[in-house]
Amino acid sequence: MAVPKKKTSKARRDQRRAHHAVRPANMSTCPECGERKRPHHVCQSCGSYRDRQVMAVAEED
């Protein structure tokens, strides 16, 4: 079984983890209703995807 020969220092460990940060999700604007949505996903407010209505959206009272 592979065993490390030396202890990994805290600095080296933290440098390796420097790219593990959580980034905010990318958002784009829906061309139909103008709401913000995730790219390549159905718009939750109007139900359109790529200039087509693909999902029925319940109207709020």
PDB file of N, CA and C in Angstrom:
ATOM      1  N   MET A   1       0.846  -1.176   0.000  1.00  0.00           N
ATOM      2  CA  MET A   1       0.000   0.000   0.000  1.00  0.00           C
ATOM      3  C   MET A   1       0.893   1.241   0.000  1.00  0.00           C
ATOM      4  N   ALA A   2       0.501   2.255  -0.753  1.00  0.00           N
ATOM      5  CA  ALA A   2       1.292   3.477  -0.847  1.00  0.00           C
ATOM      6  C   ALA A   2       1.115   4.322   0.404  1.00  0.00           C
ATOM      7  N   VAL A   3       2.253   4.710   0.978  1.00  0.00           N
ATOM      8  CA  VAL A   3       2.246   5.526   2.193  1.00  0.00           C
ATOM      9  C   VAL A   3       3.119   6.744   1.927  1.00  0.00           C
ATOM     10  N   PRO A   4       2.655   7.965   2.285  1.00  0.00           N
ATOM     11  CA  PRO A   4       3.489   9.146   2.061  1.00  0.00           C
ATOM     12  C   PRO A   4       4.767   9.090   2.896  1.00  0.00           C
ATOM     13  N   LYS A   5       5.879   9.492   2.270  1.00  0.00           N
ATOM     14  CA  LYS A   5       7.158   9.452   2.961  1.00  0.00           C
ATOM     15  C   LYS A   5       7.319  10.632   3.910  1.00  0.00           C
ATOM     16  N   LYS A   6       6.744  11.766   3.566  1.00  0.00           N
ATOM     17  CA  LYS A   6       6.825  12.973   4.394  1.00  0.00           C
ATOM     18  C   LYS A   6       5.436  13.519   4.636  1.00  0.00           C
ATOM     19  N   LYS A   7       5.283  14.246   5.739  1.00  0.00           N
ATOM     20  CA  LYS A   7       4.003  14.895   6.042  1.00  0.00           C
ATOM     21  C   LYS A   7       3.799  16.071   5.087  1.00  0.00           C
ATOM     22  N   THR A   8       2.613  16.191   4.541  1.00  0.00           N
ATOM     23  CA  THR A   8       2.280  17.327   3.685  1.00  0.00           C
ATOM     24  C   THR A   8       2.054  18.548   4.562  1.00  0.00           C
ATOM     25  N   SER A   9       2.770  19.618   4.262  1.00  0.00           N
ATOM     26  CA  SER A   9       2.645  20.819   5.075  1.00  0.00           C
ATOM     27  C   SER A   9       1.286  21.476   4.861  1.00  0.00           C
ATOM     28  N   LYS A  10       0.895  22.306   5.807  1.00  0.00           N
ATOM     29  CA  LYS A  10      -0.389  23.008   5.708  1.00  0.00           C
ATOM     30  C   LYS A  10      -0.397  23.944   4.506  1.00  0.00           C
ATOM     31  N   ALA A  11       0.729  24.574   4.211  1.00  0.00           N
ATOM     32  CA  ALA A  11       0.803  25.494   3.077  1.00  0.00           C
ATOM     33  C   ALA A  11       0.599  24.745   1.762  1.00  0.00           C
ATOM     34  N   ARG A  12       1.249  23.606   1.610  1.00  0.00           N
ATOM     35  CA  ARG A  12       1.106  22.832   0.370  1.00  0.00           C
ATOM     36  C   ARG A  12      -0.300  22.268   0.234  1.00  0.00           C
ATOM     37  N   ARG A  13      -0.864  21.822   1.343  1.00  0.00           N
ATOM     38  CA  ARG A  13      -2.232  21.302   1.337  1.00  0.00           C
ATOM     39  C   ARG A  13      -3.220  22.399   0.943  1.00  0.00           C
ATOM     40  N   ASP A  14      -3.064  23.594   1.513  1.00  0.00           N
ATOM     41  CA  ASP A  14      -3.982  24.689   1.231  1.00  0.00           C
ATOM     42  C   ASP A  14      -3.805  25.239  -0.190  1.00  0.00           C
ATOM     43  N   GLN A  15      -2.584  25.190  -0.722  1.00  0.00           N
ATOM     44  CA  GLN A  15      -2.372  25.605  -2.109  1.00  0.00           C
ATOM     45  C   GLN A  15      -3.093  24.660  -3.061  1.00  0.00           C
ATOM     46  N   ARG A  16      -3.111  23.394  -2.752  1.00  0.00           N
ATOM     47  CA  ARG A  16      -3.813  22.425  -3.584  1.00  0.00           C
ATOM     48  C   ARG A  16      -5.315  22.667  -3.547  1.00  0.00           C
ATOM     49  N   ARG A  17      -5.826  23.090  -2.411  1.00  0.00           N
ATOM     50  CA  ARG A  17      -7.258  23.324  -2.243  1.00  0.00           C
ATOM     51  C   ARG A  17      -7.697  24.723  -2.661  1.00  0.00           C
ATOM     52  N   ALA A  18      -6.791  25.511  -3.210  1.00  0.00           N
ATOM     53  CA  ALA A  18      -7.111  26.893  -3.556  1.00  0.00           C
ATOM     54  C   ALA A  18      -8.178  26.980  -4.638  1.00  0.00           C
ATOM     55  N   HIS A  19      -8.350  25.933  -5.458  1.00  0.00           N
ATOM     56  CA  HIS A  19      -9.316  25.958  -6.555  1.00  0.00           C
ATOM     57  C   HIS A  19     -10.622  25.267  -6.188  1.00  0.00           C
ATOM     58  N   HIS A  20     -10.819  24.908  -4.944  1.00  0.00           N
ATOM     59  CA  HIS A  20     -12.015  24.184  -4.524  1.00  0.00           C
ATOM     60  C   HIS A  20     -13.151  25.095  -4.084  1.00  0.00           C
ATOM     61  N   ALA A  21     -13.000  26.397  -4.251  1.00  0.00           N
ATOM     62  CA  ALA A  21     -14.013  27.341  -3.786  1.00  0.00           C
ATOM     63  C   ALA A  21     -15.296  27.193  -4.604  1.00  0.00           C
ATOM     64  N   VAL A  22     -16.427  27.405  -3.972  1.00  0.00           N
ATOM     65  CA  VAL A  22     -17.717  27.342  -4.644  1.00  0.00           C
ATOM     66  C   VAL A  22     -17.982  28.700  -5.292  1.00  0.00           C
ATOM     67  N   ARG A  23     -18.288  28.673  -6.574  1.00  0.00           N
ATOM     68  CA  ARG A  23     -18.546  29.910  -7.309  1.00  0.00           C
ATOM     69  C   ARG A  23     -20.047  30.070  -7.518  1.00  0.00           C
ATOM     70  N   PRO A  24     -20.520  31.306  -7.641  1.00  0.00           N
ATOM     71  CA  PRO A  24     -21.955  31.491  -7.916  1.00  0.00           C
ATOM     72  C   PRO A  24     -22.307  30.966  -9.308  1.00  0.00           C
ATOM     73  N   ALA A  25     -23.538  30.494  -9.455  1.00  0.00           N
ATOM     74  CA  ALA A  25     -23.988  29.932 -10.726  1.00  0.00           C
ATOM     75  C   ALA A  25     -24.061  31.020 -11.788  1.00  0.00           C
ATOM     76  N   ASN A  26     -23.687  30.676 -13.008  1.00  0.00           N
ATOM     77  CA  ASN A  26     -23.806  31.622 -14.122  1.00  0.00           C
ATOM     78  C   ASN A  26     -25.275  31.837 -14.431  1.00  0.00           C
ATOM     79  N   MET A  27     -25.635  33.056 -14.738  1.00  0.00           N
ATOM     80  CA  MET A  27     -27.013  33.380 -15.048  1.00  0.00           C
ATOM     81  C   MET A  27     -27.055  34.133 -16.373  1.00  0.00           C
ATOM     82  N   SER A  28     -28.114  33.893 -17.133  1.00  0.00           N
ATOM     83  CA  SER A  28     -28.351  34.631 -18.362  1.00  0.00           C
ATOM     84  C   SER A  28     -29.769  35.180 -18.319  1.00  0.00           C
ATOM     85  N   THR A  29     -30.118  35.973 -19.308  1.00  0.00           N
ATOM     86  CA  THR A  29     -31.436  36.592 -19.353  1.00  0.00           C
ATOM     87  C   THR A  29     -32.315  35.827 -20.330  1.00  0.00           C
ATOM     88  N   CYS A  30     -33.542  35.552 -19.936  1.00  0.00           N
ATOM     89  CA  CYS A  30     -34.505  34.883 -20.804  1.00  0.00           C
ATOM     90  C   CYS A  30     -34.925  35.854 -21.899  1.00  0.00           C
ATOM     91  N   PRO A  31     -34.845  35.455 -23.172  1.00  0.00           N
ATOM     92  CA  PRO A  31     -35.237  36.381 -24.243  1.00  0.00           C
ATOM     93  C   PRO A  31     -36.742  36.617 -24.310  1.00  0.00           C
ATOM     94  N   GLU A  32     -37.546  35.733 -23.734  1.00  0.00           N
ATOM     95  CA  GLU A  32     -39.001  35.872 -23.782  1.00  0.00           C
ATOM     96  C   GLU A  32     -39.519  36.843 -22.723  1.00  0.00           C
ATOM     97  N   CYS A  33     -39.136  36.599 -21.455  1.00  0.00           N
ATOM     98  CA  CYS A  33     -39.716  37.393 -20.369  1.00  0.00           C
ATOM     99  C   CYS A  33     -38.710  38.325 -19.689  1.00  0.00           C
ATOM    100  N   GLY A  34     -37.417  38.142 -19.933  1.00  0.00           N
ATOM    101  CA  GLY A  34     -36.418  39.021 -19.352  1.00  0.00           C
ATOM    102  C   GLY A  34     -35.965  38.623 -17.960  1.00  0.00           C
ATOM    103  N   GLU A  35     -36.484  37.526 -17.413  1.00  0.00           N
ATOM    104  CA  GLU A  35     -36.059  37.060 -16.087  1.00  0.00           C
ATOM    105  C   GLU A  35     -34.689  36.399 -16.197  1.00  0.00           C
ATOM    106  N   ARG A  36     -33.989  36.345 -15.071  1.00  0.00           N
ATOM    107  CA  ARG A  36     -32.697  35.675 -15.043  1.00  0.00           C
ATOM    108  C   ARG A  36     -32.913  34.173 -14.919  1.00  0.00           C
ATOM    109  N   LYS A  37     -32.135  33.401 -15.707  1.00  0.00           N
ATOM    110  CA  LYS A  37     -32.244  31.948 -15.679  1.00  0.00           C
ATOM    111  C   LYS A  37     -30.867  31.348 -15.914  1.00  0.00           C
ATOM    112  N   ARG A  38     -30.736  30.056 -15.632  1.00  0.00           N
ATOM    113  CA  ARG A  38     -29.476  29.375 -15.886  1.00  0.00           C
ATOM    114  C   ARG A  38     -29.365  29.070 -17.375  1.00  0.00           C
ATOM    115  N   PRO A  39     -28.161  29.163 -17.950  1.00  0.00           N
ATOM    116  CA  PRO A  39     -28.004  28.876 -19.373  1.00  0.00           C
ATOM    117  C   PRO A  39     -28.353  27.417 -19.683  1.00  0.00           C
ATOM    118  N   HIS A  40     -28.968  27.171 -20.825  1.00  0.00           N
ATOM    119  CA  HIS A  40     -29.341  25.835 -21.303  1.00  0.00           C
ATOM    120  C   HIS A  40     -30.367  25.159 -20.400  1.00  0.00           C
ATOM    121  N   HIS A  41     -31.194  25.936 -19.711  1.00  0.00           N
ATOM    122  CA  HIS A  41     -32.249  25.408 -18.859  1.00  0.00           C
ATOM    123  C   HIS A  41     -33.571  26.094 -19.229  1.00  0.00           C
ATOM    124  N   VAL A  42     -34.665  25.432 -18.901  1.00  0.00           N
ATOM    125  CA  VAL A  42     -35.989  26.003 -19.137  1.00  0.00           C
ATOM    126  C   VAL A  42     -36.188  27.169 -18.172  1.00  0.00           C
ATOM    127  N   CYS A  43     -36.760  28.258 -18.664  1.00  0.00           N
ATOM    128  CA  CYS A  43     -37.062  29.406 -17.812  1.00  0.00           C
ATOM    129  C   CYS A  43     -38.207  29.030 -16.878  1.00  0.00           C
ATOM    130  N   GLN A  44     -38.018  29.223 -15.595  1.00  0.00           N
ATOM    131  CA  GLN A  44     -39.027  28.841 -14.611  1.00  0.00           C
ATOM    132  C   GLN A  44     -40.191  29.823 -14.561  1.00  0.00           C
ATOM    133  N   SER A  45     -39.990  31.048 -15.034  1.00  0.00           N
ATOM    134  CA  SER A  45     -41.072  32.023 -14.946  1.00  0.00           C
ATOM    135  C   SER A  45     -42.021  31.954 -16.145  1.00  0.00           C
ATOM    136  N   CYS A  46     -41.499  31.673 -17.350  1.00  0.00           N
ATOM    137  CA  CYS A  46     -42.389  31.638 -18.515  1.00  0.00           C
ATOM    138  C   CYS A  46     -42.455  30.265 -19.179  1.00  0.00           C
ATOM    139  N   GLY A  47     -41.554  29.349 -18.852  1.00  0.00           N
ATOM    140  CA  GLY A  47     -41.607  27.989 -19.384  1.00  0.00           C
ATOM    141  C   GLY A  47     -41.084  27.841 -20.795  1.00  0.00           C
ATOM    142  N   SER A  48     -40.286  28.774 -21.278  1.00  0.00           N
ATOM    143  CA  SER A  48     -39.782  28.683 -22.646  1.00  0.00           C
ATOM    144  C   SER A  48     -38.334  28.200 -22.643  1.00  0.00           C
ATOM    145  N   TYR A  49     -37.959  27.556 -23.751  1.00  0.00           N
ATOM    146  CA  TYR A  49     -36.591  27.113 -23.955  1.00  0.00           C
ATOM    147  C   TYR A  49     -36.294  27.198 -25.441  1.00  0.00           C
ATOM    148  N   ARG A  50     -35.279  27.942 -25.822  1.00  0.00           N
ATOM    149  CA  ARG A  50     -34.859  28.134 -27.209  1.00  0.00           C
ATOM    150  C   ARG A  50     -36.018  28.581 -28.095  1.00  0.00           C
ATOM    151  N   ASP A  51     -36.695  29.627 -27.665  1.00  0.00           N
ATOM    152  CA  ASP A  51     -37.794  30.268 -28.418  1.00  0.00           C
ATOM    153  C   ASP A  51     -38.998  29.364 -28.611  1.00  0.00           C
ATOM    154  N   ARG A  52     -39.184  28.381 -27.750  1.00  0.00           N
ATOM    155  CA  ARG A  52     -40.364  27.513 -27.809  1.00  0.00           C
ATOM    156  C   ARG A  52     -40.970  27.407 -26.417  1.00  0.00           C
ATOM    157  N   GLN A  53     -42.265  27.245 -26.353  1.00  0.00           N
ATOM    158  CA  GLN A  53     -42.956  27.025 -25.079  1.00  0.00           C
ATOM    159  C   GLN A  53     -42.916  25.519 -24.813  1.00  0.00           C
ATOM    160  N   VAL A  54     -42.170  25.093 -23.785  1.00  0.00           N
ATOM    161  CA  VAL A  54     -41.995  23.661 -23.530  1.00  0.00           C
ATOM    162  C   VAL A  54     -42.610  23.217 -22.207  1.00  0.00           C
ATOM    163  N   MET A  55     -43.050  24.180 -21.391  1.00  0.00           N
ATOM    164  CA  MET A  55     -43.559  23.845 -20.075  1.00  0.00           C
ATOM    165  C   MET A  55     -44.720  24.770 -19.741  1.00  0.00           C
ATOM    166  N   ALA A  56     -45.771  24.189 -19.211  1.00  0.00           N
ATOM    167  CA  ALA A  56     -46.891  25.018 -18.783  1.00  0.00           C
ATOM    168  C   ALA A  56     -46.576  25.609 -17.415  1.00  0.00           C
ATOM    169  N   VAL A  57     -46.832  26.902 -17.262  1.00  0.00           N
ATOM    170  CA  VAL A  57     -46.547  27.589 -16.010  1.00  0.00           C
ATOM    171  C   VAL A  57     -47.874  27.971 -15.367  1.00  0.00           C
ATOM    172  N   ALA A  58     -48.015  27.619 -14.106  1.00  0.00           N
ATOM    173  CA  ALA A  58     -49.255  27.964 -13.385  1.00  0.00           C
ATOM    174  C   ALA A  58     -49.277  29.467 -13.112  1.00  0.00           C
ATOM    175  N   GLU A  59     -50.408  30.090 -13.359  1.00  0.00           N
ATOM    176  CA  GLU A  59     -50.585  31.518 -13.099  1.00  0.00           C
ATOM    177  C   GLU A  59     -50.805  31.745 -11.615  1.00  0.00           C
ATOM    178  N   GLU A  60     -50.115  32.743 -11.059  1.00  0.00           N
ATOM    179  CA  GLU A  60     -50.294  33.082  -9.652  1.00  0.00           C
ATOM    180  C   GLU A  60     -51.428  34.093  -9.504  1.00  0.00           C
ATOM    181  N   ASP A  61     -52.240  33.907  -8.465  1.00  0.00           N
ATOM    182  CA  ASP A  61     -53.364  34.821  -8.223  1.00  0.00           C
ATOM    183  C   ASP A  61     -52.986  35.937  -7.295  1.00  0.00           C
TER     184      ASP A  61
END
